[in-house]
Amino acid sequence: MDLVWSPTDIAFRDEVRTFLDEKLTPELRRSGRLMTSVYSDHGASLEWQRILHERGWAAPAWPLEHGGCDWSLTRHYVFSRESTLAGAPSLSPMGIRMVAHAIVKYGTQNQKDYFLSRILTGEVFFCQGYSEPEAGSDLAALSMAAVDDGDDLVCTGSKIWTTHAREANWMFGLVRTSRAAKKQQGITFVLIDMTSPGIQIRPLVMTSGEEIQNQVFFDEVRVPKTNVIGDVDDGWTVAKYLLEFERGGGASAPALQVMAEEVTAAATAQPGPDGGRLMTVRPSRGSSLTPASAPMCWRFSNTECWLPWRAAATPARRHRCSRSSRPNSVRPSPN
């Protein structure tokens, strides 16, 4: 198998590195380094989004006409990996990576015109209103009522585990607009202004003392029907489409590779029980790659784990696999 980066890809990588070196302040890098989940510090995330938006890189996966980038898969990979290596904080996924795609596909022109540009700038910041106290993994069991009243839906109920509900000024959520034989029917996808009268937010304190998630209570909150995405009673269709981006719309491999490299660097520096190192790493047999880019053999004690390791920091490489370097094969070390 031949893996070769083009001169254009290498030039793009260098452009991204230069941008990150110039724009990532020590405070932003610290926020990225201290991340314990997909969320970084709220203020740092918005500041980094502002910087990326100025460069035109805040939402590279969006359609070009709405502010996205016409990037190849390679460029998406390079940008993700270099951002992780540089310690950039993440952007909140709720707006840019999730609900924006539902608005693009199912929203009206007025909804696209109002929300998409404001999501990019951070003026509109979304939280997600799906789970309820009695509807978590069985989301279709949700019961938050939305009663038809002229031009509005009047919403009463609660949502739980709502991340950044206190920071958000908008929520995208699912509400029950009718009862049907099939519980997935009668659900409507709505956008709710979090400054509307009748909304109360109670933080859920984590064992760490953090107050990131919340329970949100709605007491006859009026939501204009113009804020319905898709059709009334057909919100399940919109939610399924959004799920493609919530659970499958991003590339995890670049960040996982960076984390694996950091674990490798730390483990190879630690003493092992036999007087050697806790982990040793060397290129697989039969590989024509340099040590920095070859599939690697990770050796723990008396066991070797052969993995198809390729360090993407090396832009051009040629790789011919032998049988001994097949991924995920584990066998005793010859000592």
C-alpha atoms as a PDB file:
ATOM      1  CA  MET A   1       0.000   0.000   0.000  1.00  0.00           C
ATOM      2  CA  ASP A   2       1.404   3.374  -1.013  1.00  0.00           C
ATOM      3  CA  LEU A   3       0.499   6.428   1.069  1.00  0.00           C
ATOM      4  CA  VAL A   4       1.864   9.664  -0.342  1.00  0.00           C
ATOM      5  CA  TRP A   5       0.830  13.192   0.530  1.00  0.00           C
ATOM      6  CA  SER A   6       0.744  15.637  -2.340  1.00  0.00           C
ATOM      7  CA  PRO A   7       2.775  18.866  -2.307  1.00  0.00           C
ATOM      8  CA  THR A   8      -0.549  20.702  -1.951  1.00  0.00           C
ATOM      9  CA  ASP A   9      -1.401  18.709   1.177  1.00  0.00           C
ATOM     10  CA  ILE A  10       2.019  19.422   2.670  1.00  0.00           C
ATOM     11  CA  ALA A  11       1.624  23.130   1.920  1.00  0.00           C
ATOM     12  CA  PHE A  12      -1.777  23.105   3.621  1.00  0.00           C
ATOM     13  CA  ARG A  13      -0.319  21.373   6.672  1.00  0.00           C
ATOM     14  CA  ASP A  14       2.351  24.054   6.923  1.00  0.00           C
ATOM     15  CA  GLU A  15      -0.294  26.772   6.536  1.00  0.00           C
ATOM     16  CA  VAL A  16      -2.327  25.276   9.387  1.00  0.00           C
ATOM     17  CA  ARG A  17       0.745  24.982  11.608  1.00  0.00           C
ATOM     18  CA  THR A  18       1.686  28.604  11.012  1.00  0.00           C
ATOM     19  CA  PHE A  19      -1.857  29.746  11.764  1.00  0.00           C
ATOM     20  CA  LEU A  20      -1.988  27.735  14.998  1.00  0.00           C
ATOM     21  CA  ASP A  21       1.419  28.994  16.113  1.00  0.00           C
ATOM     22  CA  GLU A  22       0.356  32.587  15.567  1.00  0.00           C
ATOM     23  CA  LYS A  23      -3.190  32.493  16.943  1.00  0.00           C
ATOM     24  CA  LEU A  24      -3.164  30.049  19.847  1.00  0.00           C
ATOM     25  CA  THR A  25      -2.374  32.012  22.977  1.00  0.00           C
ATOM     26  CA  PRO A  26      -0.988  30.280  26.102  1.00  0.00           C
ATOM     27  CA  GLU A  27      -4.420  30.666  27.712  1.00  0.00           C
ATOM     28  CA  LEU A  28      -6.158  28.941  24.792  1.00  0.00           C
ATOM     29  CA  ARG A  29      -3.604  26.137  24.764  1.00  0.00           C
ATOM     30  CA  ARG A  30      -4.082  25.658  28.492  1.00  0.00           C
ATOM     31  CA  SER A  31      -7.835  25.323  27.979  1.00  0.00           C
ATOM     32  CA  GLY A  32      -7.274  22.683  25.321  1.00  0.00           C
ATOM     33  CA  ARG A  33      -4.798  20.825  27.505  1.00  0.00           C
ATOM     34  CA  LEU A  34      -7.186  20.721  30.485  1.00  0.00           C
ATOM     35  CA  MET A  35     -10.140  19.311  28.539  1.00  0.00           C
ATOM     36  CA  THR A  36     -11.668  16.204  30.121  1.00  0.00           C
ATOM     37  CA  SER A  37     -14.459  15.679  27.564  1.00  0.00           C
ATOM     38  CA  VAL A  38     -15.553  17.048  24.199  1.00  0.00           C
ATOM     39  CA  TYR A  39     -16.121  20.422  25.876  1.00  0.00           C
ATOM     40  CA  SER A  40     -13.471  22.987  26.668  1.00  0.00           C
ATOM     41  CA  ASP A  41     -13.816  26.076  28.828  1.00  0.00           C
ATOM     42  CA  HIS A  42     -16.801  28.038  27.532  1.00  0.00           C
ATOM     43  CA  GLY A  43     -15.040  31.387  27.227  1.00  0.00           C
ATOM     44  CA  ALA A  44     -11.974  29.894  25.565  1.00  0.00           C
ATOM     45  CA  SER A  45     -14.137  27.919  23.154  1.00  0.00           C
ATOM     46  CA  LEU A  46     -16.003  31.022  22.007  1.00  0.00           C
ATOM     47  CA  GLU A  47     -12.762  32.997  21.668  1.00  0.00           C
ATOM     48  CA  TRP A  48     -11.203  30.265  19.545  1.00  0.00           C
ATOM     49  CA  GLN A  49     -14.369  30.057  17.438  1.00  0.00           C
ATOM     50  CA  ARG A  50     -14.143  33.809  16.813  1.00  0.00           C
ATOM     51  CA  ILE A  51     -10.539  33.434  15.640  1.00  0.00           C
ATOM     52  CA  LEU A  52     -11.376  30.488  13.406  1.00  0.00           C
ATOM     53  CA  HIS A  53     -14.377  32.304  11.960  1.00  0.00           C
ATOM     54  CA  GLU A  54     -12.180  35.265  10.995  1.00  0.00           C
ATOM     55  CA  ARG A  55      -9.989  32.813   9.080  1.00  0.00           C
ATOM     56  CA  GLY A  56     -13.009  31.017   7.553  1.00  0.00           C
ATOM     57  CA  TRP A  57     -12.273  27.750   9.355  1.00  0.00           C
ATOM     58  CA  ALA A  58     -14.923  27.638  12.102  1.00  0.00           C
ATOM     59  CA  ALA A  59     -17.212  25.213  10.273  1.00  0.00           C
ATOM     60  CA  PRO A  60     -15.192  23.437   7.578  1.00  0.00           C
ATOM     61  CA  ALA A  61     -17.763  20.632   7.189  1.00  0.00           C
ATOM     62  CA  TRP A  62     -20.616  23.006   6.323  1.00  0.00           C
ATOM     63  CA  PRO A  63     -21.687  23.495   2.714  1.00  0.00           C
ATOM     64  CA  LEU A  64     -19.538  26.101   1.023  1.00  0.00           C
ATOM     65  CA  GLU A  65     -22.488  28.441   0.410  1.00  0.00           C
ATOM     66  CA  HIS A  66     -23.168  28.666   4.151  1.00  0.00           C
ATOM     67  CA  GLY A  67     -19.604  29.370   5.227  1.00  0.00           C
ATOM     68  CA  GLY A  68     -17.962  25.954   5.058  1.00  0.00           C
ATOM     69  CA  CYS A  69     -14.703  24.928   3.414  1.00  0.00           C
ATOM     70  CA  ASP A  70     -14.346  22.966   0.214  1.00  0.00           C
ATOM     71  CA  TRP A  71     -11.779  20.649   1.791  1.00  0.00           C
ATOM     72  CA  SER A  72     -10.757  17.152   0.825  1.00  0.00           C
ATOM     73  CA  LEU A  73     -10.865  14.405   3.452  1.00  0.00           C
ATOM     74  CA  THR A  74      -7.095  14.740   3.725  1.00  0.00           C
ATOM     75  CA  ARG A  75      -7.378  18.407   4.627  1.00  0.00           C
ATOM     76  CA  HIS A  76     -10.028  17.687   7.263  1.00  0.00           C
ATOM     77  CA  TYR A  77      -7.675  15.068   8.722  1.00  0.00           C
ATOM     78  CA  VAL A  78      -4.684  17.408   8.672  1.00  0.00           C
ATOM     79  CA  PHE A  79      -6.591  20.255  10.307  1.00  0.00           C
ATOM     80  CA  SER A  80      -7.961  18.013  13.061  1.00  0.00           C
ATOM     81  CA  ARG A  81      -4.597  16.429  13.806  1.00  0.00           C
ATOM     82  CA  GLU A  82      -2.606  19.658  13.783  1.00  0.00           C
ATOM     83  CA  SER A  83      -5.202  21.353  16.002  1.00  0.00           C
ATOM     84  CA  THR A  84      -4.935  18.523  18.520  1.00  0.00           C
ATOM     85  CA  LEU A  85      -1.127  18.575  18.426  1.00  0.00           C
ATOM     86  CA  ALA A  86      -1.133  22.336  19.018  1.00  0.00           C
ATOM     87  CA  GLY A  87      -3.491  22.028  22.005  1.00  0.00           C
ATOM     88  CA  ALA A  88      -6.381  23.996  20.515  1.00  0.00           C
ATOM     89  CA  PRO A  89      -9.599  24.053  22.580  1.00  0.00           C
ATOM     90  CA  SER A  90     -12.612  22.384  21.026  1.00  0.00           C
ATOM     91  CA  LEU A  91     -15.673  24.230  19.789  1.00  0.00           C
ATOM     92  CA  SER A  92     -19.040  23.374  21.277  1.00  0.00           C
ATOM     93  CA  PRO A  93     -20.565  20.718  19.006  1.00  0.00           C
ATOM     94  CA  MET A  94     -24.199  21.689  19.624  1.00  0.00           C
ATOM     95  CA  GLY A  95     -24.449  24.441  17.070  1.00  0.00           C
ATOM     96  CA  ILE A  96     -21.765  24.065  14.423  1.00  0.00           C
ATOM     97  CA  ARG A  97     -21.551  20.269  14.310  1.00  0.00           C
ATOM     98  CA  MET A  98     -25.120  19.300  15.116  1.00  0.00           C
ATOM     99  CA  VAL A  99     -28.194  21.492  14.793  1.00  0.00           C
ATOM    100  CA  ALA A 100     -26.741  23.568  11.950  1.00  0.00           C
ATOM    101  CA  HIS A 101     -26.871  20.538   9.668  1.00  0.00           C
ATOM    102  CA  ALA A 102     -30.529  19.943  10.537  1.00  0.00           C
ATOM    103  CA  ILE A 103     -31.281  23.589   9.764  1.00  0.00           C
ATOM    104  CA  VAL A 104     -29.486  23.330   6.427  1.00  0.00           C
ATOM    105  CA  LYS A 105     -31.504  20.261   5.406  1.00  0.00           C
ATOM    106  CA  TYR A 106     -34.923  20.872   6.979  1.00  0.00           C
ATOM    107  CA  GLY A 107     -35.020  24.570   7.856  1.00  0.00           C
ATOM    108  CA  THR A 108     -36.873  27.291   6.004  1.00  0.00           C
ATOM    109  CA  GLN A 109     -34.942  29.984   4.204  1.00  0.00           C
ATOM    110  CA  ASN A 110     -35.733  32.435   7.002  1.00  0.00           C
ATOM    111  CA  GLN A 111     -34.389  29.967   9.583  1.00  0.00           C
ATOM    112  CA  LYS A 112     -31.207  29.470   7.583  1.00  0.00           C
ATOM    113  CA  ASP A 113     -30.724  33.193   7.126  1.00  0.00           C
ATOM    114  CA  TYR A 114     -31.187  33.947  10.815  1.00  0.00           C
ATOM    115  CA  PHE A 115     -29.458  31.065  12.582  1.00  0.00           C
ATOM    116  CA  LEU A 116     -26.539  29.889  10.437  1.00  0.00           C
ATOM    117  CA  SER A 117     -24.610  33.141  10.339  1.00  0.00           C
ATOM    118  CA  ARG A 118     -25.199  33.705  14.064  1.00  0.00           C
ATOM    119  CA  ILE A 119     -24.059  30.184  14.921  1.00  0.00           C
ATOM    120  CA  LEU A 120     -20.805  30.867  13.104  1.00  0.00           C
ATOM    121  CA  THR A 121     -20.123  34.078  15.011  1.00  0.00           C
ATOM    122  CA  GLY A 122     -21.164  32.586  18.360  1.00  0.00           C
ATOM    123  CA  GLU A 123     -23.983  35.101  18.772  1.00  0.00           C
ATOM    124  CA  VAL A 124     -26.358  32.122  18.910  1.00  0.00           C
ATOM    125  CA  PHE A 125     -25.155  29.413  21.282  1.00  0.00           C
ATOM    126  CA  PHE A 126     -27.218  26.215  21.466  1.00  0.00           C
ATOM    127  CA  CYS A 127     -27.820  23.583  24.092  1.00  0.00           C
ATOM    128  CA  GLN A 128     -29.624  20.293  23.458  1.00  0.00           C
ATOM    129  CA  GLY A 129     -33.036  19.505  24.971  1.00  0.00           C
ATOM    130  CA  TYR A 130     -33.589  15.798  24.422  1.00  0.00           C
ATOM    131  CA  SER A 131     -33.390  13.690  27.601  1.00  0.00           C
ATOM    132  CA  GLU A 132     -36.088  13.861  30.267  1.00  0.00           C
ATOM    133  CA  PRO A 133     -36.264  12.315  33.739  1.00  0.00           C
ATOM    134  CA  GLU A 134     -38.371   9.462  32.325  1.00  0.00           C
ATOM    135  CA  ALA A 135     -36.924   9.444  28.793  1.00  0.00           C
ATOM    136  CA  GLY A 136     -33.193   8.885  28.514  1.00  0.00           C
ATOM    137  CA  SER A 137     -32.008   5.948  26.451  1.00  0.00           C
ATOM    138  CA  ASP A 138     -35.638   5.474  25.343  1.00  0.00           C
ATOM    139  CA  LEU A 139     -35.836   8.976  23.944  1.00  0.00           C
ATOM    140  CA  ALA A 140     -39.098   8.345  22.079  1.00  0.00           C
ATOM    141  CA  ALA A 141     -40.799   8.041  25.484  1.00  0.00           C
ATOM    142  CA  LEU A 142     -40.412  11.805  25.984  1.00  0.00           C
ATOM    143  CA  SER A 143     -43.489  13.573  27.320  1.00  0.00           C
ATOM    144  CA  MET A 144     -42.730  17.307  27.432  1.00  0.00           C
ATOM    145  CA  ALA A 145     -46.003  18.636  26.091  1.00  0.00           C
ATOM    146  CA  ALA A 146     -46.339  21.221  23.332  1.00  0.00           C
ATOM    147  CA  VAL A 147     -49.956  22.350  22.982  1.00  0.00           C
ATOM    148  CA  ASP A 148     -51.084  24.039  19.771  1.00  0.00           C
ATOM    149  CA  ASP A 149     -52.286  27.570  20.482  1.00  0.00           C
ATOM    150  CA  GLY A 150     -52.630  29.632  17.343  1.00  0.00           C
ATOM    151  CA  ASP A 151     -49.202  30.733  16.129  1.00  0.00           C
ATOM    152  CA  ASP A 152     -47.430  29.137  19.086  1.00  0.00           C
ATOM    153  CA  LEU A 153     -46.729  25.822  20.740  1.00  0.00           C
ATOM    154  CA  VAL A 154     -47.108  26.105  24.516  1.00  0.00           C
ATOM    155  CA  CYS A 155     -44.463  23.880  26.122  1.00  0.00           C
ATOM    156  CA  THR A 156     -44.620  22.407  29.622  1.00  0.00           C
ATOM    157  CA  GLY A 157     -42.273  19.812  31.103  1.00  0.00           C
ATOM    158  CA  SER A 158     -38.565  19.437  31.752  1.00  0.00           C
ATOM    159  CA  LYS A 159     -35.294  18.366  30.159  1.00  0.00           C
ATOM    160  CA  ILE A 160     -32.340  16.919  32.019  1.00  0.00           C
ATOM    161  CA  TRP A 161     -28.566  16.481  31.583  1.00  0.00           C
ATOM    162  CA  THR A 162     -28.598  19.651  29.501  1.00  0.00           C
ATOM    163  CA  THR A 163     -24.994  20.706  29.002  1.00  0.00           C
ATOM    164  CA  HIS A 164     -24.333  24.472  29.082  1.00  0.00           C
ATOM    165  CA  ALA A 165     -28.010  25.332  29.535  1.00  0.00           C
ATOM    166  CA  ARG A 166     -27.065  28.425  31.541  1.00  0.00           C
ATOM    167  CA  GLU A 167     -24.601  29.623  28.904  1.00  0.00           C
ATOM    168  CA  ALA A 168     -26.873  28.913  25.933  1.00  0.00           C
ATOM    169  CA  ASN A 169     -29.330  31.451  24.564  1.00  0.00           C
ATOM    170  CA  TRP A 170     -31.088  28.870  22.384  1.00  0.00           C
ATOM    171  CA  MET A 171     -32.073  25.233  22.757  1.00  0.00           C
ATOM    172  CA  PHE A 172     -32.889  22.707  20.069  1.00  0.00           C
ATOM    173  CA  GLY A 173     -35.208  20.101  21.459  1.00  0.00           C
ATOM    174  CA  LEU A 174     -37.887  17.503  20.976  1.00  0.00           C
ATOM    175  CA  VAL A 175     -41.412  17.988  22.309  1.00  0.00           C
ATOM    176  CA  ARG A 176     -44.607  15.923  22.276  1.00  0.00           C
ATOM    177  CA  THR A 177     -47.231  17.524  20.031  1.00  0.00           C
ATOM    178  CA  SER A 178     -49.587  14.544  19.743  1.00  0.00           C
ATOM    179  CA  ARG A 179     -50.101  10.981  20.892  1.00  0.00           C
ATOM    180  CA  ALA A 180     -49.988   8.193  18.338  1.00  0.00           C
ATOM    181  CA  ALA A 181     -49.883   4.402  18.355  1.00  0.00           C
ATOM    182  CA  LYS A 182     -46.163   4.580  17.553  1.00  0.00           C
ATOM    183  CA  LYS A 183     -44.347   6.717  20.107  1.00  0.00           C
ATOM    184  CA  GLN A 184     -41.828   8.033  17.554  1.00  0.00           C
ATOM    185  CA  GLN A 185     -44.755   9.798  15.890  1.00  0.00           C
ATOM    186  CA  GLY A 186     -46.175  12.971  17.348  1.00  0.00           C
ATOM    187  CA  ILE A 187     -42.736  14.400  18.224  1.00  0.00           C
ATOM    188  CA  THR A 188     -41.742  17.837  16.937  1.00  0.00           C
ATOM    189  CA  PHE A 189     -38.272  19.389  16.603  1.00  0.00           C
ATOM    190  CA  VAL A 190     -38.229  22.967  17.879  1.00  0.00           C
ATOM    191  CA  LEU A 191     -35.815  25.813  18.531  1.00  0.00           C
ATOM    192  CA  ILE A 192     -36.496  27.495  21.880  1.00  0.00           C
ATOM    193  CA  ASP A 193     -35.327  30.957  22.905  1.00  0.00           C
ATOM    194  CA  MET A 194     -33.803  30.382  26.361  1.00  0.00           C
ATOM    195  CA  THR A 195     -34.748  33.926  27.431  1.00  0.00           C
ATOM    196  CA  SER A 196     -38.459  33.110  27.059  1.00  0.00           C
ATOM    197  CA  PRO A 197     -40.669  33.603  30.142  1.00  0.00           C
ATOM    198  CA  GLY A 198     -41.382  30.403  32.062  1.00  0.00           C
ATOM    199  CA  ILE A 199     -37.920  28.778  31.818  1.00  0.00           C
ATOM    200  CA  GLN A 200     -36.026  27.865  34.979  1.00  0.00           C
ATOM    201  CA  ILE A 201     -32.617  26.175  35.078  1.00  0.00           C
ATOM    202  CA  ARG A 202     -31.282  24.114  37.971  1.00  0.00           C
ATOM    203  CA  PRO A 203     -27.606  23.094  37.804  1.00  0.00           C
ATOM    204  CA  LEU A 204     -26.659  19.479  38.479  1.00  0.00           C
ATOM    205  CA  VAL A 205     -23.557  19.463  40.654  1.00  0.00           C
ATOM    206  CA  MET A 206     -21.030  16.782  39.698  1.00  0.00           C
ATOM    207  CA  THR A 207     -18.792  14.977  42.190  1.00  0.00           C
ATOM    208  CA  SER A 208     -15.953  17.220  40.961  1.00  0.00           C
ATOM    209  CA  GLY A 209     -17.957  20.262  41.986  1.00  0.00           C
ATOM    210  CA  GLU A 210     -18.501  21.310  38.375  1.00  0.00           C
ATOM    211  CA  GLU A 211     -21.904  22.565  37.255  1.00  0.00           C
ATOM    212  CA  ILE A 212     -21.861  21.840  33.535  1.00  0.00           C
ATOM    213  CA  GLN A 213     -25.099  19.894  33.174  1.00  0.00           C
ATOM    214  CA  ASN A 214     -28.532  21.089  34.215  1.00  0.00           C
ATOM    215  CA  GLN A 215     -32.207  20.327  34.484  1.00  0.00           C
ATOM    216  CA  VAL A 216     -34.394  22.807  32.613  1.00  0.00           C
ATOM    217  CA  PHE A 217     -38.035  23.378  33.564  1.00  0.00           C
ATOM    218  CA  PHE A 218     -40.642  24.780  31.168  1.00  0.00           C
ATOM    219  CA  ASP A 219     -43.880  26.282  32.496  1.00  0.00           C
ATOM    220  CA  GLU A 220     -46.173  27.162  29.601  1.00  0.00           C
ATOM    221  CA  VAL A 221     -43.314  28.498  27.508  1.00  0.00           C
ATOM    222  CA  ARG A 222     -44.533  29.862  24.191  1.00  0.00           C
ATOM    223  CA  VAL A 223     -42.547  28.761  21.158  1.00  0.00           C
ATOM    224  CA  PRO A 224     -43.525  30.301  17.798  1.00  0.00           C
ATOM    225  CA  LYS A 225     -44.374  27.732  15.153  1.00  0.00           C
ATOM    226  CA  THR A 226     -41.881  29.520  12.935  1.00  0.00           C
ATOM    227  CA  ASN A 227     -39.258  27.866  15.168  1.00  0.00           C
ATOM    228  CA  VAL A 228     -40.326  24.354  14.187  1.00  0.00           C
ATOM    229  CA  ILE A 229     -37.688  22.575  12.092  1.00  0.00           C
ATOM    230  CA  GLY A 230     -39.332  20.292   9.540  1.00  0.00           C
ATOM    231  CA  ASP A 231     -42.966  19.371  10.033  1.00  0.00           C
ATOM    232  CA  VAL A 232     -45.038  19.272  13.193  1.00  0.00           C
ATOM    233  CA  ASP A 233     -45.274  15.670  14.481  1.00  0.00           C
ATOM    234  CA  ASP A 234     -42.303  14.618  12.309  1.00  0.00           C
ATOM    235  CA  GLY A 235     -39.437  15.721  14.521  1.00  0.00           C
ATOM    236  CA  TRP A 236     -38.154  12.164  14.852  1.00  0.00           C
ATOM    237  CA  THR A 237     -37.073  12.343  11.214  1.00  0.00           C
ATOM    238  CA  VAL A 238     -35.088  15.525  11.888  1.00  0.00           C
ATOM    239  CA  ALA A 239     -33.556  14.063  15.061  1.00  0.00           C
ATOM    240  CA  LYS A 240     -32.400  10.927  13.213  1.00  0.00           C
ATOM    241  CA  TYR A 241     -30.725  13.066  10.584  1.00  0.00           C
ATOM    242  CA  LEU A 242     -29.012  15.180  13.233  1.00  0.00           C
ATOM    243  CA  LEU A 243     -27.796  11.980  14.895  1.00  0.00           C
ATOM    244  CA  GLU A 244     -25.660  11.288  11.825  1.00  0.00           C
ATOM    245  CA  PHE A 245     -23.600  14.338  12.790  1.00  0.00           C
ATOM    246  CA  GLU A 246     -23.851  13.963  16.579  1.00  0.00           C
ATOM    247  CA  ARG A 247     -22.456  10.416  16.539  1.00  0.00           C
ATOM    248  CA  GLY A 248     -20.844  10.100  13.129  1.00  0.00           C
ATOM    249  CA  GLY A 249     -20.126  13.500  11.685  1.00  0.00           C
ATOM    250  CA  GLY A 250     -16.583  13.962  12.931  1.00  0.00           C
ATOM    251  CA  ALA A 251     -13.236  12.248  12.544  1.00  0.00           C
ATOM    252  CA  SER A 252     -11.945  10.817  15.817  1.00  0.00           C
ATOM    253  CA  ALA A 253      -8.853   9.098  14.424  1.00  0.00           C
ATOM    254  CA  PRO A 254      -6.541  12.164  14.334  1.00  0.00           C
ATOM    255  CA  ALA A 255      -7.092  13.037  18.000  1.00  0.00           C
ATOM    256  CA  LEU A 256      -6.915   9.382  19.040  1.00  0.00           C
ATOM    257  CA  GLN A 257      -3.609   8.999  17.213  1.00  0.00           C
ATOM    258  CA  VAL A 258      -2.193  12.038  18.984  1.00  0.00           C
ATOM    259  CA  MET A 259      -3.315  10.696  22.360  1.00  0.00           C
ATOM    260  CA  ALA A 260      -1.814   7.281  21.578  1.00  0.00           C
ATOM    261  CA  GLU A 261       1.473   8.923  20.692  1.00  0.00           C
ATOM    262  CA  GLU A 262       1.453  10.825  23.994  1.00  0.00           C
ATOM    263  CA  VAL A 263       0.744   7.601  25.916  1.00  0.00           C
ATOM    264  CA  THR A 264       3.550   5.890  24.002  1.00  0.00           C
ATOM    265  CA  ALA A 265       6.014   8.675  24.795  1.00  0.00           C
ATOM    266  CA  ALA A 266       5.123   8.552  28.474  1.00  0.00           C
ATOM    267  CA  ALA A 267       5.193   4.749  28.734  1.00  0.00           C
ATOM    268  CA  THR A 268       8.507   4.331  26.916  1.00  0.00           C
ATOM    269  CA  ALA A 269      10.094   6.680  29.450  1.00  0.00           C
ATOM    270  CA  GLN A 270       8.959   4.599  32.434  1.00  0.00           C
ATOM    271  CA  PRO A 271      10.979   1.725  33.948  1.00  0.00           C
ATOM    272  CA  GLY A 272       9.512  -1.753  33.571  1.00  0.00           C
ATOM    273  CA  PRO A 273       9.449  -4.670  36.024  1.00  0.00           C
ATOM    274  CA  ASP A 274      12.333  -6.474  34.279  1.00  0.00           C
ATOM    275  CA  GLY A 275      14.744  -3.567  34.562  1.00  0.00           C
ATOM    276  CA  GLY A 276      14.028  -2.327  31.061  1.00  0.00           C
ATOM    277  CA  ARG A 277      11.324   0.051  29.921  1.00  0.00           C
ATOM    278  CA  LEU A 278       7.603  -0.355  30.535  1.00  0.00           C
ATOM    279  CA  MET A 279       7.035  -0.163  26.775  1.00  0.00           C
ATOM    280  CA  THR A 280       9.327  -0.479  23.787  1.00  0.00           C
ATOM    281  CA  VAL A 281       8.324   0.550  20.295  1.00  0.00           C
ATOM    282  CA  ARG A 282       9.896  -0.472  17.024  1.00  0.00           C
ATOM    283  CA  PRO A 283       8.801  -0.723  13.372  1.00  0.00           C
ATOM    284  CA  SER A 284       7.078  -3.919  12.318  1.00  0.00           C
ATOM    285  CA  ARG A 285       8.965  -6.580  10.394  1.00  0.00           C
ATOM    286  CA  GLY A 286       8.783  -6.134   6.665  1.00  0.00           C
ATOM    287  CA  SER A 287       8.009  -2.437   6.837  1.00  0.00           C
ATOM    288  CA  SER A 288       9.841  -0.133   4.458  1.00  0.00           C
ATOM    289  CA  LEU A 289       8.905   2.896   6.568  1.00  0.00           C
ATOM    290  CA  THR A 290      11.013   5.048   8.801  1.00  0.00           C
ATOM    291  CA  PRO A 291      10.554   4.458  12.552  1.00  0.00           C
ATOM    292  CA  ALA A 292       8.479   7.634  12.894  1.00  0.00           C
ATOM    293  CA  SER A 293       5.859   6.531  10.389  1.00  0.00           C
ATOM    294  CA  ALA A 294       5.896   2.746  10.355  1.00  0.00           C
ATOM    295  CA  PRO A 295       3.412   0.316  11.845  1.00  0.00           C
ATOM    296  CA  MET A 296       4.652  -0.178  15.361  1.00  0.00           C
ATOM    297  CA  CYS A 297       5.228  -3.093  17.670  1.00  0.00           C
ATOM    298  CA  TRP A 298       4.303  -2.145  21.219  1.00  0.00           C
ATOM    299  CA  ARG A 299       6.074  -4.494  23.638  1.00  0.00           C
ATOM    300  CA  PHE A 300       4.712  -4.794  27.177  1.00  0.00           C
ATOM    301  CA  SER A 301       6.756  -7.156  29.379  1.00  0.00           C
ATOM    302  CA  ASN A 302       6.746 -10.450  27.409  1.00  0.00           C
ATOM    303  CA  THR A 303       3.946  -9.621  24.963  1.00  0.00           C
ATOM    304  CA  GLU A 304       4.162  -7.903  21.593  1.00  0.00           C
ATOM    305  CA  CYS A 305       1.165  -6.089  20.105  1.00  0.00           C
ATOM    306  CA  TRP A 306       1.541  -5.252  16.436  1.00  0.00           C
ATOM    307  CA  LEU A 307      -0.477  -2.233  15.344  1.00  0.00           C
ATOM    308  CA  PRO A 308      -0.730  -0.480  11.948  1.00  0.00           C
ATOM    309  CA  TRP A 309       0.762   2.696  13.382  1.00  0.00           C
ATOM    310  CA  ARG A 310       1.262   5.626  11.007  1.00  0.00           C
ATOM    311  CA  ALA A 311       2.343   8.976  12.337  1.00  0.00           C
ATOM    312  CA  ALA A 312       0.542  11.520  10.194  1.00  0.00           C
ATOM    313  CA  ALA A 313       3.153  14.151  10.976  1.00  0.00           C
ATOM    314  CA  THR A 314       5.273  12.454   8.327  1.00  0.00           C
ATOM    315  CA  PRO A 315       3.744  13.810   5.086  1.00  0.00           C
ATOM    316  CA  ALA A 316       5.028  11.280   2.556  1.00  0.00           C
ATOM    317  CA  ARG A 317       5.473   7.566   3.091  1.00  0.00           C
ATOM    318  CA  ARG A 318       5.484   4.222   1.383  1.00  0.00           C
ATOM    319  CA  HIS A 319       4.243   1.167   3.209  1.00  0.00           C
ATOM    320  CA  ARG A 320       4.308  -2.485   2.260  1.00  0.00           C
ATOM    321  CA  CYS A 321       2.777  -4.733   4.908  1.00  0.00           C
ATOM    322  CA  SER A 322       4.048  -8.202   5.620  1.00  0.00           C
ATOM    323  CA  ARG A 323       1.990 -10.900   7.244  1.00  0.00           C
ATOM    324  CA  SER A 324       3.766 -10.299  10.528  1.00  0.00           C
ATOM    325  CA  SER A 325       2.494  -6.698  10.671  1.00  0.00           C
ATOM    326  CA  ARG A 326      -1.197  -7.411  10.356  1.00  0.00           C
ATOM    327  CA  PRO A 327      -3.205  -5.194  12.736  1.00  0.00           C
ATOM    328  CA  ASN A 328      -4.316  -6.421  16.136  1.00  0.00           C
ATOM    329  CA  SER A 329      -2.267  -9.652  16.110  1.00  0.00           C
ATOM    330  CA  VAL A 330      -0.854 -10.465  19.542  1.00  0.00           C
ATOM    331  CA  ARG A 331       1.783 -13.096  20.184  1.00  0.00           C
ATOM    332  CA  PRO A 332       4.472 -13.883  22.763  1.00  0.00           C
ATOM    333  CA  SER A 333       7.737 -12.017  22.491  1.00  0.00           C
ATOM    334  CA  PRO A 334      10.689 -14.176  21.407  1.00  0.00           C
ATOM    335  CA  ASN A 335      12.797 -12.529  24.226  1.00  0.00           C
END
